[in-house]
Amino acid sequence: MAEQVGPAYPKWRYKAGQQATLVETAAEEKALGPGWVDSPTGLPKTATPAEVKSAADAKAAADAKAAADKKAADEKAAAEKKAAEAKE
């Protein structure tokens, strides 16, 4: 771990889903509880509304294609069965 160059406090602390918090003492930092980090770069990325919509649209399109493919396969199987029965 790198040696600290400046004073330990105050310093910013970051946690996913929370606003950045400035702590003045070790006691304040400890009171934050677990999950707080030194840099926001280590936090998980939060999806933007556009990314959420895009993912939902892609899933809806994939679901629609899967349903259409299943319907086509079912219709083909039914037609083949009907053709086989007609030959008998």
N, C-alpha and C. Protein backbone atom coordinates (compact mmCIF):
# COMPACT_ATOMS: atom_id res chain seq x y z
N MET A 1 0.85 -1.18 0.00
CA MET A 1 0.00 0.00 0.00
C MET A 1 0.89 1.24 0.00
N ALA A 2 0.48 2.25 -0.74
CA ALA A 2 1.29 3.47 -0.85
C ALA A 2 1.24 4.25 0.46
N GLU A 3 2.34 4.90 0.79
CA GLU A 3 2.41 5.72 1.99
C GLU A 3 1.66 7.03 1.75
N GLN A 4 0.88 7.45 2.74
CA GLN A 4 0.12 8.68 2.61
C GLN A 4 1.06 9.88 2.71
N VAL A 5 0.88 10.84 1.80
CA VAL A 5 1.75 12.00 1.73
C VAL A 5 1.21 13.17 2.54
N GLY A 6 -0.09 13.42 2.48
CA GLY A 6 -0.68 14.58 3.15
C GLY A 6 -1.40 14.18 4.42
N PRO A 7 -2.14 15.11 5.00
CA PRO A 7 -2.92 14.79 6.20
C PRO A 7 -4.00 13.76 5.88
N ALA A 8 -4.35 12.95 6.87
CA ALA A 8 -5.33 11.88 6.67
C ALA A 8 -6.76 12.43 6.51
N TYR A 9 -7.06 13.53 7.18
CA TYR A 9 -8.42 14.09 7.14
C TYR A 9 -8.33 15.58 6.92
N PRO A 10 -9.34 16.17 6.35
CA PRO A 10 -10.58 15.57 5.84
C PRO A 10 -10.33 14.80 4.55
N LYS A 11 -11.25 13.91 4.24
CA LYS A 11 -11.18 13.17 2.97
C LYS A 11 -12.58 12.77 2.53
N TRP A 12 -12.70 12.60 1.23
CA TRP A 12 -13.97 12.19 0.63
C TRP A 12 -14.07 10.68 0.67
N ARG A 13 -15.30 10.19 0.92
CA ARG A 13 -15.59 8.76 0.89
C ARG A 13 -16.75 8.55 -0.07
N TYR A 14 -16.76 7.41 -0.75
CA TYR A 14 -17.74 7.14 -1.80
C TYR A 14 -18.36 5.76 -1.58
N LYS A 15 -19.66 5.66 -1.92
CA LYS A 15 -20.37 4.38 -1.83
C LYS A 15 -21.44 4.36 -2.91
N ALA A 16 -21.60 3.22 -3.55
CA ALA A 16 -22.61 3.08 -4.61
C ALA A 16 -23.98 3.43 -4.06
N GLY A 17 -24.72 4.25 -4.81
CA GLY A 17 -26.07 4.63 -4.42
C GLY A 17 -26.13 5.72 -3.37
N GLN A 18 -24.99 6.25 -2.94
CA GLN A 18 -24.94 7.29 -1.93
C GLN A 18 -24.22 8.52 -2.47
N GLN A 19 -24.51 9.68 -1.89
CA GLN A 19 -23.76 10.87 -2.26
C GLN A 19 -22.38 10.79 -1.62
N ALA A 20 -21.38 11.36 -2.30
CA ALA A 20 -20.04 11.43 -1.73
C ALA A 20 -20.12 12.16 -0.39
N THR A 21 -19.31 11.70 0.55
CA THR A 21 -19.36 12.27 1.90
C THR A 21 -17.96 12.70 2.32
N LEU A 22 -17.86 13.88 2.87
CA LEU A 22 -16.59 14.39 3.40
C LEU A 22 -16.54 14.06 4.88
N VAL A 23 -15.51 13.29 5.28
CA VAL A 23 -15.34 12.96 6.70
C VAL A 23 -14.15 13.74 7.25
N GLU A 24 -14.29 14.19 8.49
CA GLU A 24 -13.27 15.02 9.13
C GLU A 24 -12.37 14.24 10.07
N THR A 25 -12.84 13.07 10.53
CA THR A 25 -12.07 12.29 11.51
C THR A 25 -12.22 10.79 11.23
N ALA A 26 -11.36 10.02 11.86
CA ALA A 26 -11.44 8.56 11.74
C ALA A 26 -12.76 8.06 12.33
N ALA A 27 -13.22 8.71 13.38
CA ALA A 27 -14.50 8.30 14.00
C ALA A 27 -15.66 8.51 13.03
N GLU A 28 -15.67 9.64 12.31
CA GLU A 28 -16.72 9.89 11.31
C GLU A 28 -16.65 8.85 10.21
N GLU A 29 -15.43 8.52 9.79
CA GLU A 29 -15.27 7.52 8.73
C GLU A 29 -15.78 6.16 9.19
N LYS A 30 -15.45 5.77 10.41
CA LYS A 30 -15.90 4.48 10.95
C LYS A 30 -17.42 4.45 11.08
N ALA A 31 -18.01 5.60 11.43
CA ALA A 31 -19.47 5.68 11.61
C ALA A 31 -20.22 5.47 10.29
N LEU A 32 -19.55 5.70 9.16
CA LEU A 32 -20.21 5.48 7.87
C LEU A 32 -20.59 4.02 7.68
N GLY A 33 -19.80 3.12 8.23
CA GLY A 33 -20.07 1.70 8.07
C GLY A 33 -19.34 1.13 6.87
N PRO A 34 -19.60 -0.13 6.54
CA PRO A 34 -18.89 -0.81 5.45
C PRO A 34 -19.33 -0.34 4.07
N GLY A 35 -18.49 -0.59 3.09
CA GLY A 35 -18.83 -0.34 1.69
C GLY A 35 -18.36 0.99 1.15
N TRP A 36 -17.79 1.86 1.98
CA TRP A 36 -17.31 3.16 1.52
C TRP A 36 -15.88 3.01 1.02
N VAL A 37 -15.55 3.67 -0.09
CA VAL A 37 -14.22 3.54 -0.70
C VAL A 37 -13.58 4.91 -0.90
N ASP A 38 -12.26 4.89 -1.19
CA ASP A 38 -11.50 6.13 -1.36
C ASP A 38 -11.75 6.85 -2.68
N SER A 39 -12.20 6.11 -3.70
CA SER A 39 -12.34 6.69 -5.03
C SER A 39 -13.62 6.20 -5.70
N PRO A 40 -14.30 7.07 -6.41
CA PRO A 40 -15.51 6.63 -7.10
C PRO A 40 -15.23 5.72 -8.28
N THR A 41 -13.99 5.64 -8.73
CA THR A 41 -13.68 4.80 -9.89
C THR A 41 -13.87 3.32 -9.59
N GLY A 42 -13.85 2.92 -8.33
CA GLY A 42 -14.03 1.52 -7.99
C GLY A 42 -15.47 1.11 -7.80
N LEU A 43 -16.39 2.06 -7.92
CA LEU A 43 -17.80 1.75 -7.70
C LEU A 43 -18.42 1.12 -8.94
N PRO A 44 -19.44 0.27 -8.75
CA PRO A 44 -20.12 -0.30 -9.92
C PRO A 44 -20.83 0.80 -10.71
N LYS A 45 -20.87 0.62 -12.02
CA LYS A 45 -21.51 1.59 -12.90
C LYS A 45 -23.02 1.47 -12.77
N THR A 46 -23.69 2.61 -12.69
CA THR A 46 -25.15 2.65 -12.66
C THR A 46 -25.64 2.90 -14.08
N ALA A 47 -26.56 2.09 -14.52
CA ALA A 47 -27.09 2.23 -15.88
C ALA A 47 -27.92 3.52 -16.00
N THR A 48 -27.78 4.17 -17.14
CA THR A 48 -28.57 5.37 -17.42
C THR A 48 -29.98 4.92 -17.87
N PRO A 49 -30.97 5.80 -17.78
CA PRO A 49 -32.30 5.44 -18.26
C PRO A 49 -32.29 4.98 -19.73
N ALA A 50 -31.47 5.61 -20.57
CA ALA A 50 -31.39 5.21 -21.97
C ALA A 50 -30.84 3.79 -22.10
N GLU A 51 -29.85 3.44 -21.26
CA GLU A 51 -29.29 2.08 -21.31
C GLU A 51 -30.33 1.05 -20.84
N VAL A 52 -31.09 1.40 -19.82
CA VAL A 52 -32.13 0.50 -19.33
C VAL A 52 -33.18 0.28 -20.41
N LYS A 53 -33.62 1.38 -21.07
CA LYS A 53 -34.62 1.27 -22.14
C LYS A 53 -34.08 0.45 -23.29
N SER A 54 -32.82 0.68 -23.67
CA SER A 54 -32.22 -0.06 -24.77
C SER A 54 -32.18 -1.55 -24.46
N ALA A 55 -31.80 -1.89 -23.23
CA ALA A 55 -31.75 -3.30 -22.84
C ALA A 55 -33.15 -3.91 -22.85
N ALA A 56 -34.14 -3.15 -22.38
CA ALA A 56 -35.52 -3.64 -22.37
C ALA A 56 -36.03 -3.83 -23.80
N ASP A 57 -35.71 -2.88 -24.68
CA ASP A 57 -36.12 -2.99 -26.08
C ASP A 57 -35.47 -4.21 -26.74
N ALA A 58 -34.19 -4.43 -26.46
CA ALA A 58 -33.49 -5.57 -27.04
C ALA A 58 -34.09 -6.88 -26.54
N LYS A 59 -34.43 -6.94 -25.25
CA LYS A 59 -35.05 -8.15 -24.70
C LYS A 59 -36.42 -8.38 -25.33
N ALA A 60 -37.20 -7.31 -25.47
CA ALA A 60 -38.53 -7.43 -26.08
C ALA A 60 -38.42 -7.94 -27.52
N ALA A 61 -37.44 -7.42 -28.27
CA ALA A 61 -37.24 -7.87 -29.65
C ALA A 61 -36.83 -9.33 -29.69
N ALA A 62 -35.93 -9.72 -28.79
CA ALA A 62 -35.49 -11.12 -28.75
C ALA A 62 -36.64 -12.04 -28.36
N ASP A 63 -37.46 -11.61 -27.39
CA ASP A 63 -38.63 -12.41 -26.99
C ASP A 63 -39.62 -12.55 -28.14
N ALA A 64 -39.85 -11.47 -28.88
CA ALA A 64 -40.78 -11.51 -30.01
C ALA A 64 -40.27 -12.44 -31.10
N LYS A 65 -38.95 -12.39 -31.37
CA LYS A 65 -38.37 -13.28 -32.38
C LYS A 65 -38.48 -14.73 -31.95
N ALA A 66 -38.20 -15.00 -30.66
CA ALA A 66 -38.30 -16.37 -30.16
C ALA A 66 -39.74 -16.88 -30.28
N ALA A 67 -40.71 -16.04 -29.97
CA ALA A 67 -42.11 -16.43 -30.08
C ALA A 67 -42.50 -16.70 -31.53
N ALA A 68 -42.03 -15.85 -32.44
CA ALA A 68 -42.32 -16.04 -33.86
C ALA A 68 -41.66 -17.31 -34.38
N ASP A 69 -40.42 -17.56 -33.98
CA ASP A 69 -39.72 -18.78 -34.39
C ASP A 69 -40.44 -20.03 -33.89
N LYS A 70 -40.91 -19.98 -32.62
CA LYS A 70 -41.62 -21.12 -32.07
C LYS A 70 -42.93 -21.35 -32.81
N LYS A 71 -43.64 -20.26 -33.10
CA LYS A 71 -44.91 -20.38 -33.83
C LYS A 71 -44.66 -20.99 -35.21
N ALA A 72 -43.63 -20.54 -35.90
CA ALA A 72 -43.31 -21.08 -37.23
C ALA A 72 -42.95 -22.56 -37.14
N ALA A 73 -42.17 -22.93 -36.14
CA ALA A 73 -41.79 -24.34 -35.97
C ALA A 73 -43.01 -25.20 -35.66
N ASP A 74 -43.90 -24.68 -34.80
CA ASP A 74 -45.12 -25.42 -34.46
C ASP A 74 -46.02 -25.60 -35.70
N GLU A 75 -46.14 -24.53 -36.50
CA GLU A 75 -46.96 -24.60 -37.71
C GLU A 75 -46.36 -25.59 -38.71
N LYS A 76 -45.03 -25.59 -38.84
CA LYS A 76 -44.36 -26.51 -39.76
C LYS A 76 -44.58 -27.95 -39.30
N ALA A 77 -44.43 -28.19 -37.98
CA ALA A 77 -44.63 -29.54 -37.46
C ALA A 77 -46.07 -30.00 -37.67
N ALA A 78 -47.02 -29.10 -37.47
CA ALA A 78 -48.42 -29.46 -37.67
C ALA A 78 -48.70 -29.77 -39.14
N ALA A 79 -48.12 -28.99 -40.04
CA ALA A 79 -48.31 -29.22 -41.48
C ALA A 79 -47.69 -30.55 -41.88
N GLU A 80 -46.50 -30.85 -41.35
CA GLU A 80 -45.84 -32.12 -41.68
C GLU A 80 -46.65 -33.30 -41.15
N LYS A 81 -47.21 -33.16 -39.94
CA LYS A 81 -48.02 -34.22 -39.37
C LYS A 81 -49.27 -34.45 -40.20
N LYS A 82 -49.89 -33.32 -40.62
CA LYS A 82 -51.11 -33.40 -41.43
C LYS A 82 -50.79 -34.07 -42.77
N ALA A 83 -49.66 -33.74 -43.38
CA ALA A 83 -49.25 -34.33 -44.66
C ALA A 83 -48.99 -35.82 -44.50
N ALA A 84 -48.34 -36.20 -43.39
CA ALA A 84 -48.06 -37.62 -43.14
C ALA A 84 -49.36 -38.40 -42.94
N GLU A 85 -50.31 -37.82 -42.23
CA GLU A 85 -51.60 -38.48 -42.00
C GLU A 85 -52.38 -38.61 -43.29
N ALA A 86 -52.25 -37.64 -44.20
CA ALA A 86 -52.97 -37.69 -45.47
C ALA A 86 -52.42 -38.81 -46.36
N LYS A 87 -51.15 -39.13 -46.23
CA LYS A 87 -50.53 -40.21 -47.03
C LYS A 87 -50.99 -41.58 -46.56
N GLU A 88 -51.43 -41.68 -45.31
CA GLU A 88 -51.80 -42.99 -44.76
C GLU A 88 -53.12 -43.44 -45.24
